[in-house]
Amino acid sequence: MNLFKTPFLALVANSFKVIALILLLSSCGVNKGLKDRPDISKYDVTLPQRTKISDTSYSIGANYLNKNKQGLWEMHVKGNPMELGLNQGALSQELFNQQEAVFLKKIDELVPSKGYQNILRKFLAWFNRKVYLHIDEQYKTEIYGISQYASPNYDYLAEEYPRVLYFHGAHDIGHALQDLALVGCSSFASWGENTKDGKLLIGRNFDFYAGDDFAKNKIISFVEPEDGHKFMSVTWGGMIGVVSGMNDQGLTVTINAGKSQFPLVAKTPVSLVTREILQYASTIDEAIAIAKKREVFVSESIFIGSAKDKKAAVIEVSPKKFGVYEVPNTSNQLICSNHFQSSAYADDEKNQKHIIESHSQYRYERMEELLEETEKVTPEKVVDILRNREGLDEDTIGYGNEKALNQMLAHHGIVFQPEDLLVWVSSSPYQMGEFVAYDLNEVFSDGNEGNTSVAKTVLNIAKDPFLQTEAFKDYEQYRSIRDEIQKAISKETHLEQQLLSEFTALNPDFWEGHYLVGKYNLDKGYNTLALRAFEEASTKEITTVPAREIVEKYIKKLSRRLGK
């Protein structure tokens, strides 16, 4: 999901109606939210002293942070909520500050005006005015600990603690803001007769995209809380929520966004619901009970795998509905993309429209197709499916197409084998680098020193051979030129037609490239060239129904203009 394809921040910067509304509402009920702080009276808030072992290795007592040779950071922390927060903040301060800088640089680019940044600050305070009422005190405490290491450079948005609190809803807000450009995650599970050893296997791609720099410093976090289960998750600096993770009971959680309306107030970020599930649940029923307690502000599928239940299920949450989807015992296979499947949403018009108009159903059917072709699923075959770049029936749909399982933008791919407490996490780029294996039995053993990688490298899965091809190099160049063309369109600058031709030749089967060339030429008044490009785009596998309608609209408009 490309957070920065959303027009929302531009809307904030340009719509006087939105500005007026924010100014009107910003003073209503926000002070309590801005001033709220967790009760930390029972905790030692002394900042821990970090020992630097090398530029890529740090420790605080039994807590540590190391970078492995695949470029993944491995962090192990333990203690009460304040200790967890302070230790995470101290160990990963540079990563945290880099992550925040990358994220907020995008906001600065979209809202460069200091005046509009002030309006945005007021909006964020108003939107998050009640979030403190929906987050458990222990997680507020942990976030408070981390916030002691936040940069003061961004206080124009909010002070350190509320700002870090807001960041935990970025995934939710990103999905809610861009219904028309939703790039979705894909998850599946197989067990019983469908896997080689009969054990549960789960694979997922997390397609949250906030720029290449945002995905550079992935952290594999191993957490031993004072209360609850030990767990691992794939995260980034400053983030205590869970988007992909497994606990020492063999319970796994991943999240897939659903179709959401834009909410008027933030409640519980989904990543903190899944954090609570991972920390306190050991079965699907326990996970359901926790999810039912929390009020969310967007629609989300929470994909649960359970070693104890030896199967998977999907918890479907939204502000107004709650459903659980499980397959019959004879199926031994569960698939999840970005639409709901439980009976609670059977008559939901927004969900049904999303199935028809988006690429969610297409990816769902592609997972079905690939799993049907796979006789016995293994971790290696799960990775092959997550990396698949083709469309239905092996159709060539262009690199980067959101209808592919491998959309060439994933923050990470991950594989779980819950009954053995094994997990594989992808390294960059996307989910195509080496999948690094971890055995939670070993990671959480008392003998772990933490001064070297805790990966079980003998089980690693090799990087995708596609990375060595000319096609991959062409795709990376395509992405670079795409950014140049998008800037030229927005800033109305000039580009040579030779560059546009080279651009589409780098990724000829992807509709997006032809569309962008058409849009550039249309804006310049080169109607014949624009029509030719839009017609070429129309012959490709276009991502969504609304996108196809836009292309067809331009073709009709230009055909009339040119008398065709």
Protein backbone atom coordinates (compact mmCIF):
# COMPACT_ATOMS: atom_id res chain seq x y z
CA MET A 1 0.00 0.00 0.00
CA ASN A 2 1.65 3.22 -1.19
CA LEU A 3 0.89 5.66 1.57
CA PHE A 4 2.03 8.61 -0.46
CA LYS A 5 -0.15 8.11 -3.53
CA THR A 6 -3.01 9.54 -1.49
CA PRO A 7 -4.31 12.99 -2.49
CA PHE A 8 -5.29 13.72 1.10
CA LEU A 9 -2.37 15.90 2.19
CA ALA A 10 -2.63 17.90 -1.02
CA LEU A 11 -6.31 18.30 -0.20
CA VAL A 12 -5.41 19.63 3.24
CA ALA A 13 -3.01 22.08 1.62
CA ASN A 14 -5.43 23.34 -1.03
CA SER A 15 -9.00 22.97 0.14
CA PHE A 16 -10.26 25.98 2.05
CA LYS A 17 -13.26 23.98 3.21
CA VAL A 18 -11.03 21.41 4.87
CA ILE A 19 -8.87 24.15 6.37
CA ALA A 20 -11.88 25.92 7.79
CA LEU A 21 -13.25 22.69 9.23
CA ILE A 22 -9.97 21.83 10.90
CA LEU A 23 -9.59 25.28 12.38
CA LEU A 24 -13.13 25.08 13.68
CA LEU A 25 -12.74 21.66 15.23
CA SER A 26 -9.12 21.75 16.36
CA SER A 27 -9.98 23.42 19.62
CA CYS A 28 -12.86 21.07 20.41
CA GLY A 29 -11.91 18.29 22.78
CA VAL A 30 -8.25 17.94 21.81
CA ASN A 31 -6.53 19.22 24.95
CA LYS A 32 -7.12 16.06 26.96
CA GLY A 33 -5.61 13.96 24.20
CA LEU A 34 -2.58 16.22 23.83
CA LYS A 35 -1.91 16.34 27.55
CA ASP A 36 -2.60 12.69 28.37
CA ARG A 37 0.40 10.71 29.57
CA PRO A 38 0.57 7.21 31.02
CA ASP A 39 0.99 6.78 34.76
CA ILE A 40 4.70 6.05 35.06
CA SER A 41 5.00 6.58 38.81
CA LYS A 42 5.79 2.92 39.51
CA TYR A 43 8.58 2.69 36.93
CA ASP A 44 12.24 3.61 36.92
CA VAL A 45 12.52 6.14 34.10
CA THR A 46 16.32 6.45 34.19
CA LEU A 47 17.61 6.40 30.62
CA PRO A 48 19.64 3.21 30.10
CA GLN A 49 23.29 3.33 29.13
CA ARG A 50 23.95 1.69 25.77
CA THR A 51 27.23 -0.10 25.10
CA LYS A 52 28.52 0.21 21.55
CA ILE A 53 30.23 -2.98 20.45
CA SER A 54 30.60 -1.87 16.83
CA ASP A 55 28.77 0.33 14.33
CA THR A 56 26.26 -2.50 13.88
CA SER A 57 26.11 -3.98 17.36
CA TYR A 58 24.87 -2.52 20.66
CA SER A 59 23.85 -3.88 24.04
CA ILE A 60 22.16 -2.85 27.28
CA GLY A 61 22.66 -5.69 29.74
CA ALA A 62 20.78 -8.67 28.30
CA ASN A 63 19.19 -6.48 25.61
CA TYR A 64 20.91 -6.14 22.24
CA LEU A 65 20.71 -4.91 18.67
CA ASN A 66 22.79 -6.44 15.86
CA LYS A 67 22.79 -6.17 12.08
CA ASN A 68 23.17 -9.46 10.21
CA LYS A 69 24.93 -9.94 6.90
CA GLN A 70 21.61 -9.83 5.02
CA GLY A 71 21.02 -6.30 6.30
CA LEU A 72 18.30 -7.14 8.84
CA TRP A 73 18.59 -5.70 12.34
CA GLU A 74 17.94 -8.20 15.15
CA MET A 75 16.77 -6.67 18.41
CA HIS A 76 16.11 -8.54 21.67
CA VAL A 77 14.52 -6.68 24.58
CA LYS A 78 12.97 -7.79 27.85
CA GLY A 79 11.33 -6.29 30.92
CA ASN A 80 8.32 -4.29 32.06
CA PRO A 81 6.58 -1.84 29.68
CA MET A 82 8.85 1.08 30.56
CA GLU A 83 11.99 -1.05 30.25
CA LEU A 84 10.82 -2.38 26.89
CA GLY A 85 10.24 1.13 25.60
CA LEU A 86 13.44 2.66 26.94
CA ASN A 87 15.60 -0.26 25.81
CA GLN A 88 14.09 -0.25 22.31
CA GLY A 89 14.54 3.50 22.08
CA ALA A 90 18.12 3.47 23.34
CA LEU A 91 19.24 0.53 21.21
CA SER A 92 17.62 1.70 17.99
CA GLN A 93 17.73 5.48 18.39
CA GLU A 94 19.53 6.09 15.10
CA LEU A 95 17.17 3.74 13.23
CA PHE A 96 14.18 5.35 14.93
CA ASN A 97 15.32 8.86 14.02
CA GLN A 98 16.08 7.84 10.43
CA GLN A 99 12.66 6.23 10.09
CA GLU A 100 10.93 9.30 11.44
CA ALA A 101 12.98 11.56 9.16
CA VAL A 102 12.11 9.50 6.07
CA PHE A 103 8.43 9.44 6.96
CA LEU A 104 8.16 13.13 7.73
CA LYS A 105 10.27 14.17 4.74
CA LYS A 106 7.38 12.96 2.63
CA ILE A 107 5.00 15.14 4.58
CA ASP A 108 7.33 18.12 4.12
CA GLU A 109 7.40 17.46 0.38
CA LEU A 110 3.62 17.29 0.18
CA VAL A 111 2.98 20.17 2.59
CA PRO A 112 6.01 22.52 2.31
CA SER A 113 4.21 25.58 3.64
CA LYS A 114 4.77 26.27 7.34
CA GLY A 115 1.25 27.64 7.51
CA TYR A 116 -0.26 24.49 6.12
CA GLN A 117 1.97 22.40 8.38
CA ASN A 118 0.41 24.21 11.29
CA ILE A 119 -3.02 23.33 9.93
CA LEU A 120 -1.92 19.71 9.53
CA ARG A 121 -0.71 19.70 13.13
CA LYS A 122 -4.12 20.90 14.28
CA PHE A 123 -5.84 18.29 12.18
CA LEU A 124 -3.71 15.48 13.63
CA ALA A 125 -4.48 16.67 17.16
CA TRP A 126 -8.19 16.76 16.39
CA PHE A 127 -8.24 13.42 14.57
CA ASN A 128 -6.33 11.68 17.38
CA ARG A 129 -8.21 13.45 20.17
CA LYS A 130 -9.62 10.20 21.61
CA VAL A 131 -6.95 7.69 20.70
CA TYR A 132 -5.56 7.72 24.26
CA LEU A 133 -8.87 6.28 25.49
CA HIS A 134 -8.47 3.21 23.27
CA ILE A 135 -4.87 2.18 23.94
CA ASP A 136 -3.96 -0.03 26.89
CA GLU A 137 -1.91 1.69 29.58
CA GLN A 138 1.02 -0.72 29.21
CA TYR A 139 1.39 0.12 25.51
CA LYS A 140 1.14 3.84 26.20
CA THR A 141 3.91 3.35 28.75
CA GLU A 142 6.09 1.48 26.26
CA ILE A 143 5.50 4.16 23.63
CA TYR A 144 6.33 6.81 26.21
CA GLY A 145 9.67 5.08 26.84
CA ILE A 146 10.50 5.01 23.13
CA SER A 147 9.42 8.63 22.70
CA GLN A 148 12.26 9.73 24.99
CA TYR A 149 14.50 9.06 21.99
CA ALA A 150 12.37 10.81 19.35
CA SER A 151 13.87 13.77 17.54
CA PRO A 152 12.76 17.24 18.68
CA ASN A 153 13.04 18.42 15.06
CA TYR A 154 9.43 17.52 14.32
CA ASP A 155 7.64 19.17 17.18
CA TYR A 156 5.79 21.29 14.64
CA LEU A 157 3.54 18.26 14.11
CA ALA A 158 3.25 17.23 17.76
CA GLU A 159 5.40 16.76 20.83
CA GLU A 160 7.46 13.57 20.98
CA TYR A 161 5.09 11.32 22.93
CA PRO A 162 1.81 12.08 21.10
CA ARG A 163 3.68 12.06 17.79
CA VAL A 164 5.03 8.53 18.33
CA LEU A 165 1.54 7.52 19.47
CA TYR A 166 0.10 8.91 16.22
CA PHE A 167 2.66 6.99 14.14
CA HIS A 168 1.16 3.73 15.37
CA GLY A 169 -1.97 4.55 13.41
CA ALA A 170 -0.10 5.35 10.17
CA HIS A 171 -0.94 1.95 8.67
CA ASP A 172 -4.64 2.45 9.46
CA ILE A 173 -4.74 6.04 8.20
CA GLY A 174 -2.86 5.10 5.04
CA HIS A 175 -5.47 2.51 4.12
CA ALA A 176 -8.37 4.78 4.98
CA LEU A 177 -7.01 7.68 2.95
CA GLN A 178 -6.45 5.93 -0.35
CA ASP A 179 -9.32 3.68 -1.24
CA LEU A 180 -8.73 4.42 -4.93
CA ALA A 181 -5.07 3.37 -4.82
CA LEU A 182 -5.11 0.54 -2.35
CA VAL A 183 -2.16 -1.78 -2.82
CA GLY A 184 -2.95 -4.81 -0.73
CA CYS A 185 -1.28 -7.56 1.21
CA SER A 186 -1.61 -11.25 0.37
CA SER A 187 -1.67 -14.12 2.91
CA PHE A 188 -2.33 -17.85 2.82
CA ALA A 189 -2.02 -20.93 4.99
CA SER A 190 -1.81 -24.65 4.24
CA TRP A 191 -1.84 -27.62 6.60
CA GLY A 192 -2.66 -31.31 6.81
CA GLU A 193 -2.51 -33.14 3.51
CA ASN A 194 -1.56 -29.93 1.67
CA THR A 195 1.90 -29.64 3.26
CA LYS A 196 4.84 -31.99 2.93
CA ASP A 197 4.98 -32.88 6.65
CA GLY A 198 1.34 -32.13 7.49
CA LYS A 199 2.31 -29.11 9.61
CA LEU A 200 0.80 -25.65 9.34
CA LEU A 201 2.62 -23.24 7.01
CA ILE A 202 1.73 -19.57 6.53
CA GLY A 203 3.04 -17.07 3.99
CA ARG A 204 2.39 -13.38 3.60
CA ASN A 205 3.56 -10.27 1.75
CA PHE A 206 3.30 -6.96 3.63
CA ASP A 207 2.83 -4.36 0.92
CA PHE A 208 2.91 -1.20 3.02
CA TYR A 209 4.98 1.23 0.96
CA ALA A 210 6.21 4.58 2.26
CA GLY A 211 9.24 4.88 -0.01
CA ASP A 212 12.35 2.76 -0.52
CA ASP A 213 14.19 4.42 2.36
CA PHE A 214 11.42 3.48 4.79
CA ALA A 215 12.02 -0.24 4.11
CA LYS A 216 15.82 -0.11 4.34
CA ASN A 217 16.18 -0.68 8.09
CA LYS A 218 13.86 -3.55 8.96
CA ILE A 219 14.05 -4.76 12.53
CA ILE A 220 13.37 -8.35 13.60
CA SER A 221 12.22 -7.71 17.14
CA PHE A 222 12.34 -10.43 19.80
CA VAL A 223 10.41 -9.33 22.88
CA GLU A 224 10.21 -10.89 26.34
CA PRO A 225 7.56 -8.88 28.20
CA GLU A 226 7.23 -9.09 31.95
CA ASP A 227 3.63 -10.18 31.45
CA GLY A 228 2.43 -12.47 28.67
CA HIS A 229 4.09 -14.53 25.96
CA LYS A 230 7.44 -13.95 24.34
CA PHE A 231 7.14 -13.06 20.67
CA MET A 232 8.90 -11.90 17.52
CA SER A 233 7.73 -9.39 14.93
CA VAL A 234 9.00 -7.59 11.84
CA THR A 235 9.00 -3.89 12.58
CA TRP A 236 10.92 -0.61 12.23
CA GLY A 237 12.38 1.96 14.61
CA GLY A 238 9.86 3.45 17.03
CA MET A 239 7.12 0.89 16.30
CA ILE A 240 5.83 -1.44 19.05
CA GLY A 241 2.74 -2.60 17.15
CA VAL A 242 2.72 -5.85 15.17
CA VAL A 243 2.08 -6.22 11.45
CA SER A 244 3.66 -9.70 11.14
CA GLY A 245 4.67 -11.84 14.11
CA MET A 246 4.64 -15.11 16.05
CA ASN A 247 4.78 -15.87 19.78
CA ASP A 248 6.40 -18.71 21.70
CA GLN A 249 3.05 -20.55 21.74
CA GLY A 250 3.12 -20.89 17.96
CA LEU A 251 0.39 -18.28 17.43
CA THR A 252 0.93 -16.00 14.41
CA VAL A 253 -0.68 -12.73 13.36
CA THR A 254 -0.57 -10.73 10.14
CA ILE A 255 -2.84 -7.91 8.95
CA ASN A 256 -4.52 -7.28 5.59
CA ALA A 257 -6.36 -4.01 4.99
CA GLY A 258 -10.02 -4.02 4.01
CA LYS A 259 -12.15 -1.38 2.31
CA SER A 260 -12.55 1.55 4.70
CA GLN A 261 -14.36 4.82 4.82
CA PHE A 262 -12.34 7.76 6.09
CA PRO A 263 -12.87 7.82 9.87
CA LEU A 264 -13.63 10.98 11.82
CA VAL A 265 -11.72 9.93 14.90
CA ALA A 266 -8.86 7.53 15.65
CA LYS A 267 -9.47 4.66 18.04
CA THR A 268 -7.30 1.55 18.55
CA PRO A 269 -4.61 1.13 15.86
CA VAL A 270 -4.90 -2.37 14.43
CA SER A 271 -1.19 -3.03 15.00
CA LEU A 272 -1.75 -2.63 18.75
CA VAL A 273 -4.70 -5.02 18.66
CA THR A 274 -2.45 -7.61 17.03
CA ARG A 275 0.32 -6.83 19.51
CA GLU A 276 -2.08 -7.63 22.33
CA ILE A 277 -3.16 -10.84 20.61
CA LEU A 278 0.44 -11.94 20.16
CA GLN A 279 1.33 -11.14 23.75
CA TYR A 280 -1.68 -12.77 25.41
CA ALA A 281 -3.27 -15.36 23.10
CA SER A 282 -2.22 -18.94 22.41
CA THR A 283 -5.28 -20.15 20.45
CA ILE A 284 -7.62 -18.79 17.80
CA ASP A 285 -10.46 -18.46 20.32
CA GLU A 286 -8.27 -16.42 22.66
CA ALA A 287 -7.28 -14.17 19.76
CA ILE A 288 -10.94 -13.65 18.85
CA ALA A 289 -11.79 -12.71 22.44
CA ILE A 290 -9.06 -10.04 22.50
CA ALA A 291 -10.03 -8.60 19.12
CA LYS A 292 -13.67 -8.30 20.22
CA LYS A 293 -12.66 -6.07 23.14
CA ARG A 294 -11.07 -3.36 21.00
CA GLU A 295 -12.68 -0.63 18.92
CA VAL A 296 -10.85 -0.05 15.63
CA PHE A 297 -11.29 2.83 13.19
CA VAL A 298 -10.60 1.08 9.88
CA SER A 299 -11.50 -2.27 8.32
CA GLU A 300 -8.89 -5.00 8.63
CA SER A 301 -8.46 -8.75 8.29
CA ILE A 302 -6.35 -10.24 11.08
CA PHE A 303 -4.92 -13.52 9.81
CA ILE A 304 -4.31 -15.93 12.72
CA GLY A 305 -2.28 -19.14 12.60
CA SER A 306 -2.24 -21.48 15.59
CA ALA A 307 0.08 -24.36 16.40
CA LYS A 308 -2.32 -25.55 19.11
CA ASP A 309 -5.32 -25.51 16.76
CA LYS A 310 -3.19 -26.74 13.85
CA LYS A 311 -5.03 -24.42 11.45
CA ALA A 312 -5.61 -20.78 10.54
CA ALA A 313 -8.56 -18.39 10.69
CA VAL A 314 -9.30 -14.78 9.76
CA ILE A 315 -10.73 -12.24 12.20
CA GLU A 316 -12.47 -9.46 10.25
CA VAL A 317 -12.83 -6.19 12.15
CA SER A 318 -14.28 -2.81 11.24
CA PRO A 319 -15.82 0.11 13.15
CA LYS A 320 -19.32 -1.40 12.91
CA LYS A 321 -18.97 -5.13 12.27
CA PHE A 322 -17.03 -8.15 13.50
CA GLY A 323 -16.70 -11.50 11.76
CA VAL A 324 -14.62 -14.67 11.82
CA TYR A 325 -13.89 -16.72 8.72
CA GLU A 326 -12.78 -20.34 8.91
CA VAL A 327 -12.69 -23.01 6.22
CA PRO A 328 -14.22 -26.50 6.58
CA ASN A 329 -12.01 -29.12 8.23
CA THR A 330 -11.63 -30.88 4.88
CA SER A 331 -10.15 -27.85 3.15
CA ASN A 332 -6.79 -27.44 4.97
CA GLN A 333 -6.17 -24.18 3.14
CA LEU A 334 -7.02 -20.55 3.90
CA ILE A 335 -6.45 -17.55 1.63
CA CYS A 336 -6.77 -13.85 2.45
CA SER A 337 -6.27 -10.76 0.29
CA ASN A 338 -8.12 -7.49 0.92
CA HIS A 339 -11.80 -8.29 1.01
CA PHE A 340 -13.89 -9.87 3.74
CA GLN A 341 -15.19 -13.44 3.54
CA SER A 342 -17.23 -14.03 6.72
CA SER A 343 -21.02 -14.06 6.87
CA ALA A 344 -20.96 -10.78 8.82
CA TYR A 345 -19.94 -8.98 5.62
CA ALA A 346 -21.95 -11.04 3.12
CA ASP A 347 -24.34 -8.15 2.46
CA ASP A 348 -21.85 -5.33 3.00
CA GLU A 349 -22.15 -3.14 -0.10
CA LYS A 350 -18.73 -1.53 0.34
CA ASN A 351 -17.04 -4.92 0.60
CA GLN A 352 -18.92 -6.30 -2.42
CA LYS A 353 -18.01 -3.26 -4.49
CA HIS A 354 -14.38 -3.67 -3.45
CA ILE A 355 -14.40 -7.30 -4.64
CA ILE A 356 -15.67 -6.20 -8.04
CA GLU A 357 -13.58 -3.07 -8.56
CA SER A 358 -10.23 -3.73 -6.89
CA HIS A 359 -7.43 -6.23 -7.48
CA SER A 360 -8.14 -8.15 -4.25
CA GLN A 361 -10.22 -10.91 -5.86
CA TYR A 362 -7.68 -11.28 -8.67
CA ARG A 363 -4.84 -11.90 -6.19
CA TYR A 364 -7.08 -14.24 -4.20
CA GLU A 365 -7.69 -16.34 -7.33
CA ARG A 366 -4.00 -16.26 -8.21
CA MET A 367 -3.14 -17.68 -4.78
CA GLU A 368 -5.76 -20.38 -5.31
CA GLU A 369 -4.23 -21.17 -8.69
CA LEU A 370 -0.66 -21.40 -7.43
CA LEU A 371 -1.59 -23.48 -4.38
CA GLU A 372 -3.55 -25.87 -6.59
CA GLU A 373 -0.44 -26.29 -8.75
CA THR A 374 1.70 -27.01 -5.66
CA GLU A 375 1.39 -30.68 -4.71
CA LYS A 376 2.88 -30.44 -1.20
CA VAL A 377 3.67 -27.08 0.30
CA THR A 378 7.09 -26.48 1.89
CA PRO A 379 8.67 -23.23 3.18
CA GLU A 380 10.61 -22.95 -0.08
CA LYS A 381 7.42 -23.29 -2.12
CA VAL A 382 5.68 -20.70 0.04
CA VAL A 383 8.48 -18.28 -0.83
CA ASP A 384 8.11 -19.11 -4.53
CA ILE A 385 4.44 -18.18 -4.34
CA LEU A 386 5.14 -14.92 -2.48
CA ARG A 387 7.66 -13.98 -5.17
CA ASN A 388 5.41 -14.79 -8.12
CA ARG A 389 5.23 -11.94 -10.66
CA GLU A 390 2.74 -13.31 -13.16
CA GLY A 391 -1.02 -12.92 -13.41
CA LEU A 392 -3.76 -15.53 -13.70
CA ASP A 393 -2.94 -18.39 -16.08
CA GLU A 394 0.69 -17.17 -16.06
CA ASP A 395 -0.33 -14.04 -17.95
CA THR A 396 2.41 -11.42 -18.35
CA ILE A 397 0.99 -8.33 -16.64
CA GLY A 398 4.08 -6.15 -16.21
CA TYR A 399 6.43 -5.77 -13.27
CA GLY A 400 4.96 -3.78 -10.41
CA ASN A 401 1.34 -4.62 -11.21
CA GLU A 402 -0.74 -4.72 -8.02
CA LYS A 403 -2.60 -7.75 -9.42
CA ALA A 404 0.57 -9.79 -8.95
CA LEU A 405 1.40 -11.34 -5.59
CA ASN A 406 4.89 -9.88 -5.94
CA GLN A 407 4.10 -6.23 -6.58
CA MET A 408 7.79 -5.29 -6.40
CA LEU A 409 7.26 -2.96 -3.44
CA ALA A 410 6.76 -5.17 -0.37
CA HIS A 411 8.18 -4.00 2.93
CA HIS A 412 8.73 -7.69 3.70
CA GLY A 413 7.64 -11.21 3.03
CA ILE A 414 7.41 -13.74 5.85
CA VAL A 415 6.87 -17.49 6.33
CA PHE A 416 5.76 -19.16 9.57
CA GLN A 417 5.96 -22.81 10.60
CA PRO A 418 4.20 -22.42 13.98
CA GLU A 419 4.40 -25.98 15.28
CA ASP A 420 8.21 -25.83 15.15
CA LEU A 421 8.42 -22.12 16.12
CA LEU A 422 10.28 -21.44 12.87
CA VAL A 423 10.00 -18.19 10.91
CA TRP A 424 11.65 -16.90 7.73
CA VAL A 425 11.90 -13.15 7.02
CA SER A 426 12.85 -11.66 3.66
CA SER A 427 15.77 -9.32 3.19
CA SER A 428 15.86 -6.52 0.63
CA PRO A 429 14.99 -5.84 -2.06
CA TYR A 430 11.29 -6.32 -1.46
CA GLN A 431 10.62 -10.02 -0.70
CA MET A 432 13.24 -11.17 -3.19
CA GLY A 433 16.35 -11.11 -1.03
CA GLU A 434 17.43 -14.09 1.07
CA PHE A 435 14.79 -15.30 3.54
CA VAL A 436 16.53 -15.48 6.91
CA ALA A 437 15.41 -18.27 9.27
CA TYR A 438 14.88 -17.96 13.02
CA ASP A 439 14.09 -20.68 15.55
CA LEU A 440 12.26 -19.08 18.49
CA ASN A 441 13.21 -22.05 20.69
CA GLU A 442 16.84 -21.00 20.30
CA VAL A 443 16.31 -17.23 20.25
CA PHE A 444 14.51 -17.25 23.59
CA SER A 445 16.86 -19.76 25.23
CA ASP A 446 18.74 -18.55 28.31
CA GLY A 447 22.11 -19.27 26.73
CA ASN A 448 21.69 -16.68 23.99
CA GLU A 449 24.47 -14.07 24.31
CA GLY A 450 23.19 -11.79 21.55
CA ASN A 451 26.54 -10.51 20.29
CA THR A 452 26.17 -12.37 16.99
CA SER A 453 23.24 -13.07 14.67
CA VAL A 454 20.59 -15.36 16.16
CA ALA A 455 19.50 -16.57 12.72
CA LYS A 456 19.42 -20.28 11.98
CA THR A 457 21.28 -19.73 8.72
CA VAL A 458 21.36 -23.40 7.74
CA LEU A 459 17.63 -23.08 7.01
CA ASN A 460 17.86 -19.82 5.03
CA ILE A 461 16.10 -19.69 1.65
CA ALA A 462 18.20 -18.28 -1.20
CA LYS A 463 17.51 -14.94 -2.85
CA ASP A 464 15.41 -14.82 -6.00
CA PRO A 465 17.50 -15.51 -9.15
CA PHE A 466 15.39 -12.83 -10.87
CA LEU A 467 17.57 -10.24 -9.10
CA GLN A 468 20.45 -11.13 -11.45
CA THR A 469 18.45 -10.61 -14.65
CA GLU A 470 18.37 -7.70 -17.09
CA ALA A 471 14.61 -7.55 -16.55
CA PHE A 472 15.12 -6.63 -12.90
CA LYS A 473 17.69 -3.96 -13.79
CA ASP A 474 15.23 -2.58 -16.34
CA TYR A 475 12.50 -2.49 -13.72
CA GLU A 476 14.64 -0.53 -11.28
CA GLN A 477 15.45 1.95 -14.06
CA TYR A 478 11.74 2.09 -14.91
CA ARG A 479 10.96 3.09 -11.33
CA SER A 480 13.56 5.85 -11.43
CA ILE A 481 12.24 7.33 -14.69
CA ARG A 482 8.66 6.94 -13.44
CA ASP A 483 9.47 9.30 -10.58
CA GLU A 484 10.90 11.77 -13.08
CA ILE A 485 7.78 11.61 -15.27
CA GLN A 486 5.43 12.00 -12.31
CA LYS A 487 7.34 15.11 -11.22
CA ALA A 488 7.21 16.48 -14.76
CA ILE A 489 3.43 15.99 -14.82
CA SER A 490 2.89 17.66 -11.46
CA LYS A 491 5.34 20.53 -12.10
CA GLU A 492 4.55 20.87 -15.83
CA THR A 493 8.19 20.57 -16.90
CA HIS A 494 9.44 19.31 -20.27
CA LEU A 495 10.63 15.81 -21.14
CA GLU A 496 11.97 14.47 -24.44
CA GLN A 497 9.81 11.95 -26.30
CA GLN A 498 12.86 9.71 -26.60
CA LEU A 499 12.91 9.35 -22.81
CA LEU A 500 9.22 8.45 -22.77
CA SER A 501 9.78 5.76 -25.41
CA GLU A 502 12.69 4.33 -23.46
CA PHE A 503 10.54 4.37 -20.34
CA THR A 504 7.73 2.18 -21.69
CA ALA A 505 10.25 -0.16 -23.34
CA LEU A 506 11.74 -0.95 -19.92
CA ASN A 507 8.45 -2.46 -18.68
CA PRO A 508 6.30 -2.83 -21.81
CA ASP A 509 3.58 -5.08 -20.37
CA PHE A 510 2.67 -2.77 -17.47
CA TRP A 511 -0.30 -0.51 -18.18
CA GLU A 512 0.91 2.19 -15.78
CA GLY A 513 3.89 3.23 -17.93
CA HIS A 514 1.74 3.78 -21.01
CA TYR A 515 -0.82 5.63 -18.93
CA LEU A 516 1.78 8.04 -17.53
CA VAL A 517 3.12 8.75 -21.01
CA GLY A 518 -0.44 9.40 -22.14
CA LYS A 519 -1.08 11.74 -19.22
CA TYR A 520 2.14 13.69 -19.85
CA ASN A 521 1.34 14.11 -23.56
CA LEU A 522 -2.28 15.02 -22.84
CA ASP A 523 -1.21 17.78 -20.46
CA LYS A 524 1.22 19.08 -23.09
CA GLY A 525 -1.46 19.10 -25.78
CA TYR A 526 0.17 16.32 -27.82
CA ASN A 527 -3.18 14.69 -28.45
CA THR A 528 -2.18 12.11 -31.06
CA LEU A 529 0.70 10.84 -28.93
CA ALA A 530 -1.54 10.81 -25.85
CA LEU A 531 -4.26 8.81 -27.59
CA ARG A 532 -1.73 6.28 -28.84
CA ALA A 533 -0.38 5.79 -25.31
CA PHE A 534 -3.82 5.45 -23.70
CA GLU A 535 -4.88 2.94 -26.35
CA GLU A 536 -1.76 0.89 -25.63
CA ALA A 537 -2.50 1.04 -21.89
CA SER A 538 -6.01 -0.25 -22.56
CA THR A 539 -4.59 -3.47 -24.05
CA LYS A 540 -2.81 -4.32 -20.78
CA GLU A 541 -4.02 -5.83 -17.50
CA ILE A 542 -5.19 -2.64 -15.77
CA THR A 543 -5.20 -2.86 -11.99
CA THR A 544 -8.69 -1.73 -11.02
CA VAL A 545 -12.07 -0.95 -12.57
CA PRO A 546 -11.81 2.78 -11.74
CA ALA A 547 -8.37 2.92 -13.37
CA ARG A 548 -9.69 1.27 -16.54
CA GLU A 549 -12.61 3.70 -16.61
CA ILE A 550 -10.17 6.63 -16.46
CA VAL A 551 -8.16 5.24 -19.38
CA GLU A 552 -11.32 4.67 -21.42
CA LYS A 553 -12.54 8.19 -20.62
CA TYR A 554 -9.32 9.69 -21.99
CA ILE A 555 -9.54 7.54 -25.13
CA LYS A 556 -13.11 8.72 -25.84
CA LYS A 557 -12.22 12.34 -25.10
CA LEU A 558 -9.18 12.35 -27.38
CA SER A 559 -10.93 10.39 -30.13
CA ARG A 560 -13.67 13.04 -30.27
CA ARG A 561 -11.08 15.81 -30.20
CA LEU A 562 -9.16 14.24 -33.09
CA GLY A 563 -12.32 13.41 -35.04
CA LYS A 564 -11.89 9.65 -34.86
